[in-house]
Amino acid sequence: MVTRPEPDISAFLKARRAALDPAELGLPAGVNRRRVPGLRREEAAQLAGISVDYYTRIEQGRTPNISDSVLDAVARALRLTDSEYAYLRDLTLPGRRTPMTGTAGTTGSQQVRQGIRLLIDAMEDVPAYVCSVAMDVLAWNTLGGQVSYDFAALEPRERNLARLYFLDEEQSRSLYPEWEAGGEYMAATLRADVGRHPDDPALSALIADLLEHSAQFRRCWDQQHVRGLCYGVKHITHPVAGELWLHYESLPLPSDPGQTLVTFTAEPGSSTEKALRLLATRATPQPVPSP
């Protein structure tokens, strides 16, 4: 039986309090030296405009019905990002859970529609793949299966971005120069997904597996960071194509809840664009899993 990684509002709010500098918020140092970093509970309550007792009950998970106005006030007091605020909403009331796409709490099928497969196959010069909430790679085009890991050479269970990143550390470190920072971002993304889909068995199994077998993941997970996986620049040291700087876009598929299309593009005229062209000429078209 897999132990579900239950989202913990207490650990999350404590971590966010600890991350704040009271001096930057205009709060006095106090008569007694602070024993722990960040805000005290009474300071967070003051900034939120609520009683210390009420804030304490929120942080301890003892207030099942928190109003939107109070949540807004706590989010402002703790300087939460949009992703962190969405996660807080997910923790405080399941009915208010922020869906990734489609119906709240529904992670959808592992089957990729034929139309999406045709789409990514037509993107010959753009590495692309489709992944699930639990970061399983469900389908990919030729370049998408070569730009980092060789998905076709892996067993289905091994085609998981998080498992590859944290459990095959030697390979992932060689691929990603900013390995530690990338791991923190990936763990923060998974935390956001757990907030939206706490009952998803594949996601729960993934988190439990990573917590058991990766000390680096445990360190990243304990930071309680939350991030939305949307877009950015990925730095890859490819064994064939060399150094790549790729813009990635993570595009949720509205008709396929829980599936995300990820694409990678290079700056026109850049060395990365030339390297992708070289990789495309050497790559053999790969069979992808059948729907």
Protein backbone atom coordinates (compact mmCIF):
# COMPACT_ATOMS: atom_id res chain seq x y z
CA MET A 1 0.00 0.00 0.00
CA VAL A 2 1.30 3.45 -0.95
CA THR A 3 1.33 6.09 1.76
CA ARG A 4 -0.27 9.21 0.37
CA PRO A 5 1.83 12.38 0.64
CA GLU A 6 -0.87 14.38 2.40
CA PRO A 7 -0.46 18.15 1.92
CA ASP A 8 0.39 19.70 5.30
CA ILE A 9 -0.88 23.23 5.86
CA SER A 10 1.08 23.56 9.12
CA ALA A 11 4.46 22.80 7.54
CA PHE A 12 3.65 24.99 4.55
CA LEU A 13 2.65 28.10 6.52
CA LYS A 14 5.54 27.70 8.96
CA ALA A 15 7.97 27.51 6.03
CA ARG A 16 6.49 30.61 4.44
CA ARG A 17 6.68 32.53 7.74
CA ALA A 18 10.30 31.46 8.17
CA ALA A 19 11.18 32.70 4.68
CA LEU A 20 10.20 36.31 5.45
CA ASP A 21 12.51 38.97 6.84
CA PRO A 22 10.66 40.97 9.55
CA ALA A 23 12.90 44.00 8.95
CA GLU A 24 11.87 44.15 5.29
CA LEU A 25 8.23 44.21 6.41
CA GLY A 26 8.87 47.10 8.79
CA LEU A 27 8.49 45.03 11.94
CA PRO A 28 10.65 45.82 15.00
CA ALA A 29 13.33 43.39 16.10
CA GLY A 30 11.67 43.05 19.50
CA VAL A 31 13.08 43.02 22.99
CA ASN A 32 14.13 39.38 22.86
CA ARG A 33 16.32 38.00 20.13
CA ARG A 34 14.44 35.80 17.70
CA ARG A 35 15.03 32.11 18.30
CA VAL A 36 13.88 31.12 14.79
CA PRO A 37 14.06 32.99 11.48
CA GLY A 38 11.11 34.76 9.94
CA LEU A 39 7.83 36.00 11.35
CA ARG A 40 6.29 34.96 14.63
CA ARG A 41 2.69 33.76 14.55
CA GLU A 42 1.47 36.92 16.25
CA GLU A 43 3.21 39.04 13.60
CA ALA A 44 1.64 37.05 10.78
CA ALA A 45 -1.74 37.48 12.45
CA GLN A 46 -1.16 41.21 12.84
CA LEU A 47 -0.24 41.63 9.19
CA ALA A 48 -3.30 39.59 8.16
CA GLY A 49 -5.60 41.62 10.43
CA ILE A 50 -6.91 38.59 12.32
CA SER A 51 -6.54 37.38 15.90
CA VAL A 52 -3.53 35.33 16.94
CA ASP A 53 -5.84 32.54 18.05
CA TYR A 54 -7.56 32.40 14.68
CA TYR A 55 -4.27 32.44 12.77
CA THR A 56 -2.94 29.67 15.03
CA ARG A 57 -5.99 27.53 14.32
CA ILE A 58 -5.52 28.10 10.57
CA GLU A 59 -1.88 27.08 10.76
CA GLN A 60 -2.79 23.98 12.76
CA GLY A 61 -5.45 22.96 10.26
CA ARG A 62 -8.31 23.41 12.75
CA THR A 63 -10.48 25.75 10.67
CA PRO A 64 -12.35 23.77 8.00
CA ASN A 65 -14.30 26.74 6.63
CA ILE A 66 -12.03 29.70 5.95
CA SER A 67 -13.52 32.58 3.99
CA ASP A 68 -11.94 33.87 0.81
CA SER A 69 -11.31 37.23 2.47
CA VAL A 70 -9.30 35.63 5.28
CA LEU A 71 -7.33 33.52 2.82
CA ASP A 72 -6.57 36.67 0.84
CA ALA A 73 -5.38 38.40 4.00
CA VAL A 74 -3.11 35.50 5.01
CA ALA A 75 -1.70 35.32 1.49
CA ARG A 76 -0.89 39.05 1.54
CA ALA A 77 0.64 38.84 5.00
CA LEU A 78 2.95 35.98 4.00
CA ARG A 79 3.72 37.48 0.58
CA LEU A 80 2.56 34.33 -1.20
CA THR A 81 3.10 33.98 -4.93
CA ASP A 82 0.17 33.08 -7.18
CA SER A 83 1.24 29.42 -7.14
CA GLU A 84 1.58 29.40 -3.36
CA TYR A 85 -1.81 31.04 -2.95
CA ALA A 86 -3.43 28.43 -5.21
CA TYR A 87 -1.77 25.72 -3.11
CA LEU A 88 -3.08 27.30 0.11
CA ARG A 89 -6.60 27.30 -1.33
CA ASP A 90 -6.20 23.64 -2.25
CA LEU A 91 -5.14 22.81 1.30
CA THR A 92 -7.88 24.70 3.10
CA LEU A 93 -10.93 23.41 1.29
CA PRO A 94 -11.09 20.55 -1.24
CA GLY A 95 -14.15 22.05 -2.90
CA ARG A 96 -12.15 25.18 -3.60
CA ARG A 97 -9.29 23.15 -5.10
CA THR A 98 -7.70 24.80 -8.13
CA PRO A 99 -7.97 22.37 -11.06
CA MET A 100 -5.07 21.97 -13.46
CA THR A 101 -7.50 21.65 -16.31
CA GLY A 102 -10.93 20.13 -16.83
CA THR A 103 -12.76 18.87 -13.76
CA ALA A 104 -11.23 19.54 -10.35
CA GLY A 105 -9.50 16.51 -8.93
CA THR A 106 -9.59 14.60 -12.22
CA THR A 107 -6.24 13.61 -13.62
CA GLY A 108 -7.62 11.96 -16.71
CA SER A 109 -6.43 9.12 -18.92
CA GLN A 110 -2.93 7.91 -19.70
CA GLN A 111 -4.00 7.58 -23.34
CA VAL A 112 -2.95 10.36 -25.71
CA ARG A 113 -5.44 11.26 -28.43
CA GLN A 114 -4.52 10.57 -32.03
CA GLY A 115 -4.92 14.25 -32.89
CA ILE A 116 -2.28 15.20 -30.31
CA ARG A 117 0.05 12.48 -31.61
CA LEU A 118 -0.32 13.81 -35.14
CA LEU A 119 0.33 17.32 -33.87
CA ILE A 120 3.63 16.52 -32.16
CA ASP A 121 4.77 14.36 -35.08
CA ALA A 122 4.17 17.32 -37.41
CA MET A 123 6.44 19.48 -35.25
CA GLU A 124 9.57 18.02 -36.84
CA ASP A 125 11.94 20.81 -35.75
CA VAL A 126 10.45 21.24 -32.28
CA PRO A 127 11.17 18.72 -29.51
CA ALA A 128 7.86 17.87 -27.89
CA TYR A 129 6.27 15.34 -25.59
CA VAL A 130 3.09 14.82 -23.57
CA CYS A 131 3.30 14.06 -19.86
CA SER A 132 0.85 13.25 -17.08
CA VAL A 133 0.31 14.89 -13.69
CA ALA A 134 2.73 12.34 -12.25
CA MET A 135 5.34 13.32 -14.88
CA ASP A 136 5.01 10.10 -16.88
CA VAL A 137 5.99 10.72 -20.51
CA LEU A 138 3.06 9.39 -22.52
CA ALA A 139 4.02 10.33 -26.09
CA TRP A 140 6.83 12.17 -27.87
CA ASN A 141 8.12 13.10 -31.30
CA THR A 142 11.54 12.19 -32.67
CA LEU A 143 13.40 15.21 -31.28
CA GLY A 144 11.41 15.11 -28.06
CA GLY A 145 12.73 11.60 -27.49
CA GLN A 146 16.32 12.69 -28.05
CA VAL A 147 16.75 16.17 -26.59
CA SER A 148 17.43 14.81 -23.11
CA TYR A 149 16.56 11.20 -22.34
CA ASP A 150 16.10 8.44 -24.93
CA PHE A 151 12.50 7.60 -24.07
CA ALA A 152 12.20 4.80 -26.64
CA ALA A 153 15.07 2.90 -25.00
CA LEU A 154 13.37 2.98 -21.59
CA GLU A 155 10.76 0.70 -20.11
CA PRO A 156 7.35 2.40 -19.67
CA ARG A 157 7.72 2.82 -15.88
CA GLU A 158 11.14 4.41 -16.39
CA ARG A 159 9.71 7.10 -18.70
CA ASN A 160 9.10 9.44 -15.82
CA LEU A 161 10.79 12.84 -15.71
CA ALA A 162 11.04 13.02 -11.91
CA ARG A 163 12.32 9.46 -11.44
CA LEU A 164 14.93 9.99 -14.14
CA TYR A 165 15.99 13.29 -12.61
CA PHE A 166 16.31 12.20 -8.98
CA LEU A 167 16.93 8.44 -9.16
CA ASP A 168 19.40 8.40 -12.07
CA GLU A 169 21.49 11.17 -10.57
CA GLU A 170 24.66 10.46 -12.54
CA GLN A 171 22.94 10.87 -15.90
CA SER A 172 20.74 13.80 -14.89
CA ARG A 173 23.70 15.69 -13.43
CA SER A 174 25.57 15.24 -16.70
CA LEU A 175 22.56 16.53 -18.66
CA TYR A 176 21.60 19.47 -16.45
CA PRO A 177 24.41 21.81 -15.26
CA GLU A 178 22.00 23.52 -12.83
CA TRP A 179 20.95 20.16 -11.39
CA GLU A 180 20.27 21.26 -7.81
CA ALA A 181 18.21 24.30 -8.81
CA GLY A 182 16.31 22.21 -11.34
CA GLY A 183 15.51 19.63 -8.67
CA GLU A 184 14.12 22.32 -6.37
CA TYR A 185 11.88 23.57 -9.16
CA MET A 186 10.69 20.06 -10.01
CA ALA A 187 9.86 19.27 -6.37
CA ALA A 188 7.99 22.58 -6.08
CA THR A 189 6.00 21.72 -9.19
CA LEU A 190 5.11 18.30 -7.80
CA ARG A 191 3.96 19.91 -4.54
CA ALA A 192 1.54 22.11 -6.48
CA ASP A 193 0.22 19.02 -8.25
CA VAL A 194 -0.26 17.14 -4.96
CA GLY A 195 -2.31 20.08 -3.69
CA ARG A 196 -4.59 19.84 -6.73
CA HIS A 197 -4.71 16.05 -6.88
CA PRO A 198 -4.08 14.58 -3.40
CA ASP A 199 -5.98 11.38 -4.27
CA ASP A 200 -4.17 10.60 -7.54
CA PRO A 201 -2.56 7.13 -7.01
CA ALA A 202 0.21 7.54 -9.60
CA LEU A 203 1.25 10.89 -8.16
CA SER A 204 1.16 9.52 -4.61
CA ALA A 205 3.26 6.52 -5.64
CA LEU A 206 5.80 8.79 -7.33
CA ILE A 207 6.22 11.07 -4.29
CA ALA A 208 6.52 8.11 -1.93
CA ASP A 209 9.14 6.49 -4.18
CA LEU A 210 11.20 9.67 -4.43
CA LEU A 211 11.02 10.34 -0.69
CA GLU A 212 12.25 6.82 0.01
CA HIS A 213 15.10 6.67 -2.50
CA SER A 214 16.39 10.21 -3.06
CA ALA A 215 17.99 12.29 -0.31
CA GLN A 216 18.08 15.26 -2.69
CA PHE A 217 14.35 15.02 -3.31
CA ARG A 218 13.67 14.83 0.44
CA ARG A 219 15.70 18.00 0.94
CA CYS A 220 13.83 19.80 -1.85
CA TRP A 221 10.43 18.52 -0.69
CA ASP A 222 11.00 19.69 2.88
CA GLN A 223 11.51 23.26 1.66
CA GLN A 224 7.75 23.47 1.05
CA HIS A 225 8.22 25.50 -2.13
CA VAL A 226 5.37 25.66 -4.65
CA ARG A 227 5.77 26.55 -8.30
CA GLY A 228 3.57 26.41 -11.37
CA LEU A 229 5.15 24.63 -14.32
CA CYS A 230 4.49 26.99 -17.22
CA TYR A 231 7.51 28.22 -19.16
CA GLY A 232 11.18 29.06 -18.87
CA VAL A 233 14.62 28.30 -20.25
CA LYS A 234 16.24 24.91 -19.82
CA HIS A 235 20.01 24.46 -20.00
CA ILE A 236 21.05 21.00 -21.24
CA THR A 237 24.48 19.55 -21.93
CA HIS A 238 23.63 17.01 -24.62
CA PRO A 239 26.07 14.14 -25.27
CA VAL A 240 25.71 14.58 -29.06
CA ALA A 241 24.45 18.11 -29.71
CA GLY A 242 26.49 19.83 -27.00
CA GLU A 243 25.26 22.79 -24.98
CA LEU A 244 21.59 23.67 -25.51
CA TRP A 245 19.58 26.64 -24.25
CA LEU A 246 15.93 25.86 -24.92
CA HIS A 247 12.76 27.83 -24.24
CA TYR A 248 10.11 25.46 -22.92
CA GLU A 249 6.36 25.89 -22.77
CA SER A 250 4.07 23.65 -20.70
CA LEU A 251 0.61 23.73 -22.24
CA PRO A 252 -2.24 21.92 -20.42
CA LEU A 253 -4.55 20.15 -22.85
CA PRO A 254 -8.08 21.41 -22.06
CA SER A 255 -9.86 18.36 -23.49
CA ASP A 256 -7.51 15.92 -21.76
CA PRO A 257 -7.45 16.71 -18.01
CA GLY A 258 -4.12 15.95 -16.42
CA GLN A 259 -2.13 15.89 -19.67
CA THR A 260 0.38 18.58 -20.62
CA LEU A 261 2.10 19.22 -23.93
CA VAL A 262 5.70 20.36 -23.43
CA THR A 263 7.61 21.99 -26.30
CA PHE A 264 11.18 23.24 -26.65
CA THR A 265 12.34 25.94 -29.05
CA ALA A 266 15.65 27.68 -29.75
CA GLU A 267 16.44 31.31 -30.49
CA PRO A 268 16.59 31.83 -34.29
CA GLY A 269 20.16 31.80 -35.56
CA SER A 270 21.56 30.56 -32.25
CA SER A 271 24.05 27.77 -31.75
CA THR A 272 21.25 25.82 -30.10
CA GLU A 273 19.12 26.03 -33.25
CA LYS A 274 22.04 24.68 -35.28
CA ALA A 275 22.61 21.93 -32.73
CA LEU A 276 18.95 20.86 -32.93
CA ARG A 277 19.20 20.63 -36.70
CA LEU A 278 22.27 18.43 -36.32
CA LEU A 279 20.46 16.27 -33.81
CA ALA A 280 17.47 15.95 -36.14
CA THR A 281 19.67 14.66 -38.98
CA ARG A 282 21.18 12.01 -36.71
CA ALA A 283 18.02 10.99 -34.91
CA THR A 284 16.15 7.93 -36.10
CA PRO A 285 12.37 8.26 -36.14
CA GLN A 286 11.15 6.51 -33.01
CA PRO A 287 8.06 4.40 -32.51
CA VAL A 288 5.94 5.88 -29.75
CA PRO A 289 3.56 3.95 -27.50
CA SER A 290 0.29 3.04 -29.16
CA PRO A 291 -2.88 4.60 -27.74
